[in-house]
Amino acid sequence: MKKLKIYLDTSVISHLDQQDAPQKTEDTLKFWEILKGDKYEVFISIVDMLELERCQEEKFLLLKNKLDEVSFIFLDKNDEAEELAELYVASNILTQKNINDCRHIAYACVANCDMVVSWNFKHIVNYKTIRGVKSVNAIAGYKEMEIYTPTMLLSEEEI
């Protein structure tokens, strides 16, 4: 059976060590254990790495070590993804101020991922963004993108 291709935005990686959100951290750590297996094909991008580099050094090193536990495909800078992110902004899904959130979704779309996994309820895991991305992707010729939280991908036994 074909593995689902999942793109992790920075919020998932940073919640591996997020002291002010213990439930999200707990669910993210459970999800991370699943990612260590062979269930999904995992993708991260240059956008993730640039955002993670803004963390304090101690947290950055911890998260980088956590990333080393998971096999992933790295998506480097990509003009097609950058253009799609700008199209999301031009379509008023999000503003230029939130271009990195658009980039996460666009990199996932261009890489033909099945879903984006995120904890970002304000800009990514919300009705307006999901609906807007579906509309723009249909017009631009990209497949429909699913957007979930890590908790939504845990089985009943893991919750």
C-alpha atoms as a PDB file:
ATOM      1  CA  MET A   1       0.000   0.000   0.000  1.00  0.00           C
ATOM      2  CA  LYS A   2       1.229   3.474  -0.892  1.00  0.00           C
ATOM      3  CA  LYS A   3       2.390   5.589   2.044  1.00  0.00           C
ATOM      4  CA  LEU A   4       0.732   8.930   2.583  1.00  0.00           C
ATOM      5  CA  LYS A   5       3.028  11.885   1.981  1.00  0.00           C
ATOM      6  CA  ILE A   6       2.853  14.321   4.873  1.00  0.00           C
ATOM      7  CA  TYR A   7       4.428  17.737   5.171  1.00  0.00           C
ATOM      8  CA  LEU A   8       5.303  18.985   8.660  1.00  0.00           C
ATOM      9  CA  ASP A   9       5.152  22.698   9.257  1.00  0.00           C
ATOM     10  CA  THR A  10       7.404  24.267  11.880  1.00  0.00           C
ATOM     11  CA  SER A  11       4.725  24.290  14.576  1.00  0.00           C
ATOM     12  CA  VAL A  12       4.762  20.483  14.741  1.00  0.00           C
ATOM     13  CA  ILE A  13       8.527  20.321  15.102  1.00  0.00           C
ATOM     14  CA  SER A  14       8.632  23.099  17.701  1.00  0.00           C
ATOM     15  CA  HIS A  15       5.912  21.400  19.777  1.00  0.00           C
ATOM     16  CA  LEU A  16       8.305  18.542  20.448  1.00  0.00           C
ATOM     17  CA  ASP A  17       9.506  20.862  23.230  1.00  0.00           C
ATOM     18  CA  GLN A  18       6.864  23.460  24.018  1.00  0.00           C
ATOM     19  CA  GLN A  19       6.641  24.047  27.769  1.00  0.00           C
ATOM     20  CA  ASP A  20       3.529  26.235  27.585  1.00  0.00           C
ATOM     21  CA  ALA A  21       1.444  23.651  25.684  1.00  0.00           C
ATOM     22  CA  PRO A  22       1.826  20.305  27.504  1.00  0.00           C
ATOM     23  CA  GLN A  23      -1.087  18.526  25.800  1.00  0.00           C
ATOM     24  CA  LYS A  24       0.071  19.492  22.312  1.00  0.00           C
ATOM     25  CA  THR A  25       3.619  18.464  23.229  1.00  0.00           C
ATOM     26  CA  GLU A  26       2.387  15.107  24.513  1.00  0.00           C
ATOM     27  CA  ASP A  27       0.403  14.479  21.321  1.00  0.00           C
ATOM     28  CA  THR A  28       3.318  15.639  19.172  1.00  0.00           C
ATOM     29  CA  LEU A  29       5.693  13.227  20.927  1.00  0.00           C
ATOM     30  CA  LYS A  30       3.217  10.362  20.359  1.00  0.00           C
ATOM     31  CA  PHE A  31       2.925  11.397  16.714  1.00  0.00           C
ATOM     32  CA  TRP A  32       6.725  11.553  16.466  1.00  0.00           C
ATOM     33  CA  GLU A  33       6.929   7.910  17.531  1.00  0.00           C
ATOM     34  CA  ILE A  34       4.662   7.034  14.607  1.00  0.00           C
ATOM     35  CA  LEU A  35       6.859   9.074  12.258  1.00  0.00           C
ATOM     36  CA  LYS A  36       9.895   7.045  13.339  1.00  0.00           C
ATOM     37  CA  GLY A  37       8.175   4.039  11.778  1.00  0.00           C
ATOM     38  CA  ASP A  38       7.398   3.453   8.144  1.00  0.00           C
ATOM     39  CA  LYS A  39       3.768   4.577   8.017  1.00  0.00           C
ATOM     40  CA  TYR A  40       4.272   7.953   6.291  1.00  0.00           C
ATOM     41  CA  GLU A  41       6.614   9.577   3.808  1.00  0.00           C
ATOM     42  CA  VAL A  42       7.635  12.733   5.684  1.00  0.00           C
ATOM     43  CA  PHE A  43       8.550  16.070   4.087  1.00  0.00           C
ATOM     44  CA  ILE A  44       9.981  19.262   5.548  1.00  0.00           C
ATOM     45  CA  SER A  45      11.199  22.338   3.705  1.00  0.00           C
ATOM     46  CA  ILE A  46      13.690  25.136   3.755  1.00  0.00           C
ATOM     47  CA  VAL A  47      10.909  27.209   5.333  1.00  0.00           C
ATOM     48  CA  ASP A  48      10.912  24.907   8.389  1.00  0.00           C
ATOM     49  CA  MET A  49      14.670  25.123   8.746  1.00  0.00           C
ATOM     50  CA  LEU A  50      14.788  28.915   8.426  1.00  0.00           C
ATOM     51  CA  GLU A  51      12.080  29.268  11.074  1.00  0.00           C
ATOM     52  CA  LEU A  52      13.742  26.746  13.404  1.00  0.00           C
ATOM     53  CA  GLU A  53      17.035  28.609  13.136  1.00  0.00           C
ATOM     54  CA  ARG A  54      15.335  31.531  14.899  1.00  0.00           C
ATOM     55  CA  CYS A  55      14.918  29.409  18.063  1.00  0.00           C
ATOM     56  CA  GLN A  56      17.294  29.794  20.947  1.00  0.00           C
ATOM     57  CA  GLU A  57      20.359  27.639  20.374  1.00  0.00           C
ATOM     58  CA  GLU A  58      19.495  25.060  23.031  1.00  0.00           C
ATOM     59  CA  LYS A  59      16.010  24.475  21.629  1.00  0.00           C
ATOM     60  CA  PHE A  60      17.289  24.493  18.043  1.00  0.00           C
ATOM     61  CA  LEU A  61      19.816  21.745  18.844  1.00  0.00           C
ATOM     62  CA  LEU A  62      17.173  19.682  20.651  1.00  0.00           C
ATOM     63  CA  LEU A  63      14.767  19.958  17.710  1.00  0.00           C
ATOM     64  CA  LYS A  64      17.493  19.217  15.172  1.00  0.00           C
ATOM     65  CA  ASN A  65      18.346  16.040  17.123  1.00  0.00           C
ATOM     66  CA  LYS A  66      14.654  15.097  17.117  1.00  0.00           C
ATOM     67  CA  LEU A  67      14.553  15.602  13.339  1.00  0.00           C
ATOM     68  CA  ASP A  68      17.483  13.209  13.004  1.00  0.00           C
ATOM     69  CA  GLU A  69      15.258  10.485  14.503  1.00  0.00           C
ATOM     70  CA  VAL A  70      12.893  10.640  11.526  1.00  0.00           C
ATOM     71  CA  SER A  71      13.536   9.838   7.895  1.00  0.00           C
ATOM     72  CA  PHE A  72      12.341  12.795   5.826  1.00  0.00           C
ATOM     73  CA  ILE A  73      12.632  14.333   2.395  1.00  0.00           C
ATOM     74  CA  PHE A  74      13.979  17.882   2.431  1.00  0.00           C
ATOM     75  CA  LEU A  75      12.419  20.383   0.040  1.00  0.00           C
ATOM     76  CA  ASP A  76      14.888  23.111  -0.900  1.00  0.00           C
ATOM     77  CA  LYS A  77      13.943  26.556  -2.239  1.00  0.00           C
ATOM     78  CA  ASN A  78      11.566  26.131  -5.141  1.00  0.00           C
ATOM     79  CA  ASP A  79      10.333  28.885  -7.471  1.00  0.00           C
ATOM     80  CA  GLU A  80       7.080  27.066  -8.259  1.00  0.00           C
ATOM     81  CA  ALA A  81       6.231  26.800  -4.548  1.00  0.00           C
ATOM     82  CA  GLU A  82       7.147  30.445  -3.989  1.00  0.00           C
ATOM     83  CA  GLU A  83       4.824  31.483  -6.821  1.00  0.00           C
ATOM     84  CA  LEU A  84       1.990  29.360  -5.423  1.00  0.00           C
ATOM     85  CA  ALA A  85       2.481  30.932  -1.983  1.00  0.00           C
ATOM     86  CA  GLU A  86       2.212  34.379  -3.582  1.00  0.00           C
ATOM     87  CA  LEU A  87      -0.967  33.233  -5.355  1.00  0.00           C
ATOM     88  CA  TYR A  88      -2.459  32.299  -1.959  1.00  0.00           C
ATOM     89  CA  VAL A  89      -1.668  35.833  -0.749  1.00  0.00           C
ATOM     90  CA  ALA A  90      -3.063  37.412  -3.939  1.00  0.00           C
ATOM     91  CA  SER A  91      -6.232  35.350  -3.385  1.00  0.00           C
ATOM     92  CA  ASN A  92      -6.601  36.810   0.120  1.00  0.00           C
ATOM     93  CA  ILE A  93      -6.245  33.477   1.884  1.00  0.00           C
ATOM     94  CA  LEU A  94      -3.590  35.027   4.136  1.00  0.00           C
ATOM     95  CA  THR A  95      -1.633  38.271   4.053  1.00  0.00           C
ATOM     96  CA  GLN A  96       1.937  38.945   2.986  1.00  0.00           C
ATOM     97  CA  LYS A  97       2.763  39.121   6.700  1.00  0.00           C
ATOM     98  CA  ASN A  98       1.918  35.390   6.872  1.00  0.00           C
ATOM     99  CA  ILE A  99       3.766  34.383   3.706  1.00  0.00           C
ATOM    100  CA  ASN A 100       5.667  31.591   5.475  1.00  0.00           C
ATOM    101  CA  ASP A 101       2.386  29.899   6.361  1.00  0.00           C
ATOM    102  CA  CYS A 102       1.465  30.094   2.675  1.00  0.00           C
ATOM    103  CA  ARG A 103       4.889  28.721   1.794  1.00  0.00           C
ATOM    104  CA  HIS A 104       4.414  25.673   4.002  1.00  0.00           C
ATOM    105  CA  ILE A 105       1.212  24.779   2.182  1.00  0.00           C
ATOM    106  CA  ALA A 106       2.647  25.610  -1.235  1.00  0.00           C
ATOM    107  CA  TYR A 107       5.784  23.503  -0.738  1.00  0.00           C
ATOM    108  CA  ALA A 108       3.559  20.589   0.279  1.00  0.00           C
ATOM    109  CA  CYS A 109       1.381  21.066  -2.810  1.00  0.00           C
ATOM    110  CA  VAL A 110       4.269  21.313  -5.249  1.00  0.00           C
ATOM    111  CA  ALA A 111       5.842  18.177  -3.700  1.00  0.00           C
ATOM    112  CA  ASN A 112       2.511  16.401  -4.258  1.00  0.00           C
ATOM    113  CA  CYS A 113       2.031  15.693  -0.562  1.00  0.00           C
ATOM    114  CA  ASP A 114      -1.296  14.356   0.650  1.00  0.00           C
ATOM    115  CA  MET A 115      -1.513  16.571   3.709  1.00  0.00           C
ATOM    116  CA  VAL A 116       0.000  19.339   5.783  1.00  0.00           C
ATOM    117  CA  VAL A 117       0.291  18.618   9.504  1.00  0.00           C
ATOM    118  CA  SER A 118       0.249  21.726  11.691  1.00  0.00           C
ATOM    119  CA  TRP A 119      -0.623  23.154  15.096  1.00  0.00           C
ATOM    120  CA  ASN A 120      -1.119  26.615  13.589  1.00  0.00           C
ATOM    121  CA  PHE A 121      -4.852  27.124  14.099  1.00  0.00           C
ATOM    122  CA  LYS A 122      -4.678  30.857  13.422  1.00  0.00           C
ATOM    123  CA  HIS A 123      -3.318  30.641   9.870  1.00  0.00           C
ATOM    124  CA  ILE A 124      -3.251  27.039   8.615  1.00  0.00           C
ATOM    125  CA  VAL A 125      -5.644  24.654  10.399  1.00  0.00           C
ATOM    126  CA  ASN A 126      -8.767  26.748   9.971  1.00  0.00           C
ATOM    127  CA  TYR A 127     -11.778  26.848   7.720  1.00  0.00           C
ATOM    128  CA  LYS A 128     -10.898  29.999   5.763  1.00  0.00           C
ATOM    129  CA  THR A 129      -7.404  28.785   4.871  1.00  0.00           C
ATOM    130  CA  ILE A 130      -8.468  25.224   4.062  1.00  0.00           C
ATOM    131  CA  ARG A 131     -11.347  26.408   1.872  1.00  0.00           C
ATOM    132  CA  GLY A 132      -9.200  29.028   0.133  1.00  0.00           C
ATOM    133  CA  VAL A 133      -6.349  26.594  -0.558  1.00  0.00           C
ATOM    134  CA  LYS A 134      -8.787  24.056  -2.023  1.00  0.00           C
ATOM    135  CA  SER A 135     -10.217  26.721  -4.334  1.00  0.00           C
ATOM    136  CA  VAL A 136      -6.845  28.109  -5.488  1.00  0.00           C
ATOM    137  CA  ASN A 137      -5.375  24.628  -5.943  1.00  0.00           C
ATOM    138  CA  ALA A 138      -8.331  23.532  -8.090  1.00  0.00           C
ATOM    139  CA  ILE A 139      -7.948  26.578 -10.339  1.00  0.00           C
ATOM    140  CA  ALA A 140      -4.136  26.318 -10.479  1.00  0.00           C
ATOM    141  CA  GLY A 141      -4.152  22.574 -11.224  1.00  0.00           C
ATOM    142  CA  TYR A 142      -2.860  21.230  -7.900  1.00  0.00           C
ATOM    143  CA  LYS A 143      -4.506  18.426  -5.993  1.00  0.00           C
ATOM    144  CA  GLU A 144      -6.680  19.101  -2.977  1.00  0.00           C
ATOM    145  CA  MET A 145      -4.610  19.497   0.179  1.00  0.00           C
ATOM    146  CA  GLU A 146      -5.730  17.991   3.467  1.00  0.00           C
ATOM    147  CA  ILE A 147      -4.704  19.883   6.614  1.00  0.00           C
ATOM    148  CA  TYR A 148      -4.657  18.170  10.022  1.00  0.00           C
ATOM    149  CA  THR A 149      -3.212  18.426  13.504  1.00  0.00           C
ATOM    150  CA  PRO A 150      -0.945  15.679  14.862  1.00  0.00           C
ATOM    151  CA  THR A 151      -3.732  14.635  17.256  1.00  0.00           C
ATOM    152  CA  MET A 152      -6.014  13.899  14.299  1.00  0.00           C
ATOM    153  CA  LEU A 153      -3.484  11.331  13.050  1.00  0.00           C
ATOM    154  CA  LEU A 154      -3.198   9.422  16.314  1.00  0.00           C
ATOM    155  CA  SER A 155      -5.205   6.218  16.619  1.00  0.00           C
ATOM    156  CA  GLU A 156      -7.680   5.743  19.465  1.00  0.00           C
ATOM    157  CA  GLU A 157      -5.135   3.673  21.411  1.00  0.00           C
ATOM    158  CA  GLU A 158      -2.603   6.517  21.316  1.00  0.00           C
ATOM    159  CA  ILE A 159      -4.926   9.277  22.544  1.00  0.00           C
END
